[in-house]
Structures are given as structure tokens and as C-alpha cells.
Protein backbone atom coordinates (compact mmCIF):
# COMPACT_ATOMS: atom_id res chain seq x y z
CA ASP A 1 214.34 -8.56 -2.33
CA ASN A 2 213.09 -5.93 -4.78
CA ILE A 3 215.76 -3.39 -3.86
CA GLY A 4 217.26 -1.29 -6.63
CA ILE A 5 221.04 -1.28 -6.13
CA SER A 6 223.03 1.33 -8.01
CA LYS A 7 226.54 0.53 -6.77
CA VAL A 8 228.33 -1.66 -4.19
CA CYS A 9 231.82 -1.04 -2.79
CA SER A 10 233.98 -2.98 -0.33
CA ILE A 11 236.89 -0.94 1.06
CA GLY A 12 238.60 -3.41 3.41
CA ASN A 13 241.31 -1.70 5.45
CA LYS A 14 240.98 1.56 3.44
CA CYS A 15 244.56 1.68 2.18
CA ASP A 16 243.58 3.96 -0.71
CA VAL A 17 239.81 4.69 -0.67
CA ASN A 18 237.79 5.23 2.51
CA GLU A 19 234.17 5.77 3.55
CA ILE A 20 234.51 9.58 3.34
CA ASP A 21 235.44 9.38 -0.36
CA LEU A 22 232.57 7.03 -1.11
CA LEU A 23 229.92 8.83 0.94
CA ASP A 24 230.82 12.13 -0.72
CA TYR A 25 230.56 10.47 -4.13
CA PHE A 26 227.26 8.70 -3.46
CA CYS A 27 225.64 11.82 -2.05
CA GLY A 28 226.31 13.52 -5.38
CA ASP A 29 225.41 10.51 -7.53
CA SER A 30 222.12 10.95 -9.39
CA GLU A 31 221.61 7.15 -9.55
CA THR A 32 221.74 6.76 -5.76
CA GLY A 33 218.69 7.61 -3.65
CA ALA A 34 219.81 6.23 -0.28
CA VAL A 35 223.14 5.06 1.12
CA GLY A 36 223.67 2.03 3.36
CA CYS A 37 227.01 1.60 5.14
CA TYR A 38 228.64 -1.13 7.18
CA LEU A 39 231.52 0.54 9.07
CA GLU A 40 234.02 -0.72 11.60
CA SER A 41 235.61 2.72 12.00
CA ILE A 42 235.43 6.23 10.56
CA VAL A 43 238.67 7.88 9.49
CA ASP A 44 237.40 11.46 9.82
CA GLY A 45 234.26 11.68 11.96
CA LYS A 46 233.85 15.44 11.56
CA LYS A 47 233.94 15.30 7.76
CA PHE A 48 231.68 12.23 7.69
CA LEU A 49 229.02 13.99 9.76
CA GLN A 50 229.31 17.18 7.70
CA ILE A 51 228.59 15.24 4.51
CA VAL A 52 225.54 13.65 6.17
CA LYS A 53 224.26 17.06 7.29
CA ASN A 54 224.65 18.50 3.80
CA THR A 55 222.65 15.84 1.97
CA GLN A 56 218.93 15.20 1.72
CA LYS A 57 219.53 11.50 1.07
CA PRO A 58 218.95 8.95 3.84
CA ILE A 59 222.24 7.65 5.25
CA VAL A 60 221.80 4.33 7.05
CA VAL A 61 224.75 3.04 9.07
CA LEU A 62 225.49 -0.30 10.70
CA LYS A 63 228.44 0.58 12.95
CA SER A 64 230.04 -2.52 14.39
CA GLY A 65 232.36 -2.68 17.38
CA ARG A 66 229.74 -1.34 19.80
CA SER A 67 230.76 -3.75 22.57
CA GLU A 68 234.21 -4.21 24.11
CA HIS A 69 234.59 -7.64 22.48
CA GLY A 70 233.31 -6.20 19.21
CA LYS A 71 235.95 -3.48 19.32
CA LYS A 72 238.68 -6.10 19.78
CA ALA A 73 237.28 -8.08 16.86
CA ALA A 74 237.30 -4.95 14.66
CA MET A 75 240.96 -4.34 15.53
CA SER A 76 241.76 -7.93 14.57
CA HIS A 77 239.72 -7.80 11.35
CA THR A 78 240.82 -4.53 9.72
CA ALA A 79 243.05 -2.91 12.38
CA SER A 80 240.20 -0.45 13.02
CA LEU A 81 239.81 1.59 16.18
CA ALA A 82 236.07 1.42 16.81
CA GLY A 83 235.76 4.54 18.99
CA ASN A 84 233.39 5.48 21.80
CA THR A 85 229.97 3.96 21.14
CA ALA A 86 227.88 6.46 23.11
CA VAL A 87 229.64 9.46 21.57
CA GLN A 88 229.25 8.08 18.06
CA ALA A 89 225.57 7.28 18.57
CA GLY A 90 224.93 10.80 19.82
CA ALA A 91 226.82 12.37 16.94
CA PHE A 92 225.00 10.17 14.41
CA LYS A 93 221.63 11.18 15.83
CA GLN A 94 222.52 14.87 15.79
CA ALA A 95 223.69 14.73 12.18
CA GLY A 96 220.71 12.70 10.96
CA VAL A 97 222.31 9.29 10.45
CA VAL A 98 219.81 6.43 10.68
CA GLN A 99 221.66 3.91 12.84
CA VAL A 100 220.81 0.18 12.76
CA ILE A 101 222.24 -2.77 14.68
CA ASP A 102 222.24 -5.75 12.31
CA LEU A 103 222.66 -6.58 8.64
CA TYR A 104 219.04 -7.45 7.92
CA GLU A 105 217.84 -4.23 9.53
CA LEU A 106 220.33 -2.34 7.34
CA ILE A 107 218.98 -4.01 4.20
CA ASP A 108 215.32 -3.53 5.14
CA THR A 109 215.81 0.11 6.12
CA VAL A 110 217.58 1.02 2.89
CA LYS A 111 214.83 -0.87 1.06
CA ALA A 112 212.16 1.24 2.79
CA PHE A 113 213.89 4.47 1.78
CA SER A 114 214.09 3.24 -1.81
CA TYR A 115 210.28 3.06 -1.80
CA ILE A 116 209.34 6.02 0.41
CA LYS A 117 210.46 9.36 -1.01
CA ASN A 118 208.04 11.76 0.69
CA TYR A 119 206.77 11.89 4.24
CA ARG A 120 205.69 14.56 6.69
CA PRO A 121 205.75 12.86 10.13
CA ASP A 122 203.73 15.39 12.10
CA LYS A 123 200.68 13.32 13.10
CA GLY A 124 200.04 9.72 14.17
CA VAL A 125 200.29 6.26 12.61
CA ALA A 126 197.13 4.37 11.67
CA LEU A 127 197.04 0.61 12.14
CA MET A 128 194.79 -1.78 10.22
CA THR A 129 195.05 -5.50 10.84
CA PHE A 130 193.40 -8.87 10.27
CA SER A 131 194.03 -9.97 13.87
CA GLY A 132 193.12 -8.39 17.18
CA GLY A 133 196.13 -10.02 18.83
CA ALA A 134 198.52 -8.72 16.17
CA GLY A 135 197.02 -5.26 16.60
CA ILE A 136 197.70 -5.33 20.35
CA VAL A 137 201.30 -6.51 19.85
CA THR A 138 201.86 -3.79 17.26
CA THR A 139 200.40 -1.11 19.52
CA ASP A 140 202.71 -2.18 22.35
CA LEU A 141 205.72 -2.06 20.05
CA MET A 142 204.73 1.39 18.84
CA ALA A 143 204.69 2.55 22.46
CA ASP A 144 208.12 0.98 23.01
CA TYR A 145 209.46 3.08 20.12
CA SER A 146 207.49 6.21 21.14
CA ILE A 147 205.51 6.14 17.90
CA PRO A 148 202.10 7.83 18.29
CA LEU A 149 198.94 5.92 17.38
CA ALA A 150 196.69 8.24 15.38
CA ASN A 151 193.52 9.52 17.03
CA LEU A 152 191.11 8.72 14.20
CA SER A 153 188.31 11.15 13.47
CA ASP A 154 184.66 10.26 13.94
CA ASP A 155 184.19 10.52 10.17
CA THR A 156 186.89 7.92 9.59
CA LEU A 157 185.47 5.52 12.16
CA GLN A 158 181.98 5.94 10.72
CA ALA A 159 183.28 5.23 7.20
CA VAL A 160 184.97 2.03 8.37
CA GLN A 161 181.95 1.07 10.48
CA LYS A 162 179.91 0.69 7.30
CA LEU A 163 182.16 -2.24 6.35
CA TYR A 164 181.56 -4.16 9.59
CA PRO A 165 178.73 -6.51 10.51
CA SER A 166 176.18 -4.84 12.76
CA TRP A 167 177.41 -6.59 15.92
CA MET A 168 180.90 -5.04 15.81
CA GLY A 169 181.96 -1.44 16.26
CA ALA A 170 185.00 0.19 14.66
CA SER A 171 187.83 1.17 16.98
CA HIS A 172 191.53 1.84 16.58
CA PRO A 173 193.58 -0.31 15.96
CA LEU A 174 191.22 -1.43 13.20
CA ASP A 175 190.62 -5.19 13.41
CA LEU A 176 189.18 -5.75 9.96
CA TRP A 177 188.65 -9.49 9.76
CA PRO A 178 184.91 -9.48 10.55
CA ALA A 179 184.50 -6.86 7.81
CA VAL A 180 186.61 -8.99 5.44
CA GLU A 181 184.37 -12.01 6.05
CA GLN A 182 181.35 -9.89 5.16
CA ASN A 183 182.66 -7.86 2.21
CA GLY A 184 185.92 -9.38 0.98
CA LEU A 185 189.55 -8.53 1.68
CA ASP A 186 190.17 -6.41 -1.41
CA ALA A 187 187.10 -4.21 -0.95
CA VAL A 188 187.62 -3.75 2.80
CA TYR A 189 191.35 -2.97 2.65
CA THR A 190 190.95 -0.50 -0.23
CA ALA A 191 188.05 1.33 1.41
CA THR A 192 189.81 1.44 4.79
CA VAL A 193 193.03 2.87 3.35
CA GLU A 194 190.99 5.45 1.47
CA ALA A 195 189.29 6.55 4.71
CA LEU A 196 192.60 6.69 6.59
CA MET A 197 194.34 8.65 3.85
CA SER A 198 191.64 11.34 4.12
CA ASP A 199 192.04 11.64 7.90
CA THR A 200 194.15 14.66 8.86
CA SER A 201 195.25 12.95 12.09
CA VAL A 202 197.03 10.22 10.09
CA ASP A 203 200.50 10.67 8.58
CA SER A 204 201.27 7.02 7.75
CA ILE A 205 199.69 3.56 7.80
CA ILE A 206 200.81 0.14 8.97
CA VAL A 207 198.86 -2.51 7.06
CA GLU A 208 198.80 -6.07 8.39
CA CYS A 209 197.36 -8.50 5.89
CA PHE A 210 196.63 -12.21 5.77
CA ALA A 211 197.49 -13.33 2.25
CA SER A 212 194.45 -15.34 1.23
CA ARG A 213 194.44 -17.25 -2.05
CA TYR A 214 190.73 -16.48 -2.38
CA TYR A 215 191.31 -12.79 -3.17
CA ASP A 216 193.13 -10.97 -5.97
CA PRO A 217 196.04 -8.85 -4.62
CA ALA A 218 195.70 -6.46 -7.55
CA PHE A 219 193.98 -4.08 -5.09
CA PHE A 220 197.44 -3.05 -3.86
CA LYS A 221 197.74 -0.95 -7.01
CA ASP A 222 194.95 1.32 -5.74
CA ILE A 223 196.57 1.54 -2.30
CA GLY A 224 199.93 2.43 -3.87
CA ASN A 225 198.29 5.19 -5.92
CA MET A 226 196.63 6.61 -2.80
CA MET A 227 199.96 6.51 -0.95
CA ARG A 228 201.63 8.62 -3.63
CA THR A 229 198.69 11.01 -4.00
CA HIS A 230 198.45 11.76 -0.27
CA LYS A 231 202.23 11.42 0.38
CA LYS A 232 201.49 9.18 3.37
CA PRO A 233 203.71 6.07 3.60
CA VAL A 234 202.26 2.59 3.84
CA VAL A 235 204.31 -0.32 5.19
CA LEU A 236 202.94 -3.83 4.87
CA TRP A 237 203.30 -6.96 6.98
CA LEU A 238 202.18 -10.11 5.18
CA VAL A 239 201.52 -13.54 6.66
CA GLY A 240 200.15 -16.73 5.11
CA GLU A 241 201.18 -19.63 2.89
CA LYS A 242 204.57 -19.00 1.28
CA ASP A 243 203.49 -19.02 -2.36
CA VAL A 244 200.48 -16.81 -1.66
CA VAL A 245 202.56 -14.37 0.37
CA GLU A 246 205.07 -14.13 -2.49
CA ASN A 247 202.26 -13.35 -4.92
CA TYR A 248 200.84 -10.64 -2.65
CA LYS A 249 204.33 -9.26 -2.09
CA MET A 250 204.97 -9.07 -5.83
CA HIS A 251 201.78 -7.05 -6.34
CA ALA A 252 202.36 -4.79 -3.33
CA GLU A 253 205.99 -3.94 -4.04
CA GLY A 254 205.19 -3.61 -7.73
CA SER A 255 202.74 -0.92 -6.59
CA GLY A 256 205.39 0.86 -4.50
CA ILE A 257 204.48 -0.54 -1.06
CA PRO A 258 207.41 -2.03 0.90
CA VAL A 259 206.70 -5.42 2.47
CA PHE A 260 208.31 -6.87 5.60
CA GLY A 261 208.14 -10.27 7.24
CA GLU A 262 207.80 -9.20 10.89
CA ILE A 263 205.61 -6.82 12.86
CA GLY A 264 208.64 -5.51 14.71
CA ARG A 265 210.41 -4.66 11.47
CA CYS A 266 207.46 -2.53 10.35
CA ILE A 267 207.77 -0.55 13.58
CA GLN A 268 211.52 -0.08 13.15
CA ILE A 269 210.96 1.10 9.59
CA ILE A 270 208.30 3.61 10.63
CA GLN A 271 210.66 4.92 13.32
CA ALA A 272 213.51 5.27 10.79
CA LEU A 273 211.24 7.10 8.33
CA ARG A 274 209.95 9.44 11.02
CA PHE A 275 213.48 10.17 12.24
CA HIS A 276 214.94 10.87 8.80
CA PHE A 277 212.13 12.97 7.38
CA SER A 278 211.65 15.01 10.58
CA LYS A 279 215.40 15.62 10.75
CA ARG A 280 215.62 16.50 7.08
CA GLY A 281 212.95 19.16 7.50
CA LYS A 282 215.06 20.90 10.13
CA MET A 283 218.31 20.98 8.12
């Protein structure tokens, strides 16, 4: 799934090597940019958290055994004592561990950090979409995760307004489909991202795109360049026919923009990015 993997280790019941040894190694490894862990227990919680605090690398952890039945299963699987879930979650948050709850979230979150290297999460998130309904759902999910929707400037709204037909006004979230029908998907999405990148109230952008076979997805290269120039992350949700989506995804991720298959995952990724980079700035 377009994730660069430097190394993979399975440590079983940790009879000789444990997660502390590996985390310490990976945090010092120049080929590793982010670390993803599946853990049933932690042999030395204090040392584990100290290593996390001392690194600038994102540490993403799927800690199993959160429920009573899960703890029993962990004991049966690797003779691991799972520990107190609430205490561990609090300690992880304090140290800066990005905690996830399933395998696919672990993979997607590490993937996001492999793409996004710089971020200053001190403003709001801009949302551009092809569907009014999708925009509403996304806005609700952002509220659920306490992610602020950017208060776009008048200049930004006026710049986007020029793309719309005369009967529709620009408002945030930006429902761009009427503009796309008038001016084309590539032109509208590129111009909108450019306007949002220049807005000081925006620190990141969620892009929701219908992958249409009638447009060339090469425009993602321009969006990727703007993302790196302004150091404002872009996460992309794609929907459409499978082969067209795969083509758009290839162009987007080839341009440095991580792509996800669900609106909710984009929100989780933005939350993880905001948590890590805000925490890192305080350490």
C-alpha cells in the first residue's frame, strides 16, 4: 500500500529480545522514520516511555488486551500480563505515543507518518469535497474528534467563488462539484488548494475527490508541491470506479499525498498528526 518498510521484527514471547531493545534500536536507526508496534505487554513501562519521550520519531502502538477477555487471551497466547488499560492509555498519551485500536488503523497511521514529515497544528483544518453530504459527515466526525474546522478568510472564499457558477456561493466546507462541472476537476482542485494553502487560518487540508476517468490526475503533482512548500499536510479520500481510483491513488501518493479509503480514516489520521506534532513541539 505504498508504505516504505525498513525492517520488520516478530518477538513472540520475548525470551531473548523484547520491545525495549527494538524500540531503542529503531529510534536510532537512520533508515526508520516512524515505528509501528503491536504489543500484548511491555516488560519495562518506564524505560519504554522514556525512549518515546527522547525521540522525535512517531511511535504508533496497537496495545491489545484492553478488555478483560482480551487480557485472558494475551495470557494464553504469549503468557503476557496485559496491565491496566486506563493507566497505560494515560501514560502513552503523556509520553507522546500515538495509540490505535486495530491493525488497519496501525498500518494507515504509520503510512501517514511516512508521508507527512512536517506539520504545525496551530490553526484549523480546511475541507474541500465533491459532495455536500460527504462534507457534512466529515464535519460531524471532526467535531467528534475535537478537530477544528478552519475559519476561512474572505480572500480565500472570494478566490474560490470565482470558480463557481454565478448561482452558488462559496462556503466552508467547500462543496466543489458545481465548480468542477463548470471548470474541470483538475483546474478547480488545484486552484482551491492554492487558495487554502495561502490562508493563515489553515494548517492542513482534507481533500475528498471523486475519481473521474474524464480528468488527468497529474494535477496531484502540483498539490504535492504546494503541500511541501507550505508545510501543510494534505490527506486524500478517493471514491469512484476501482481502476480509476487506483490510477488517481498512484498519482497522488507518487506526489507525496497519502490516500485513504474512508472519510473516518482521514479524520483519525489528522487527529494522529495533530497529536504527534503538537506533542513533539513541547518535548
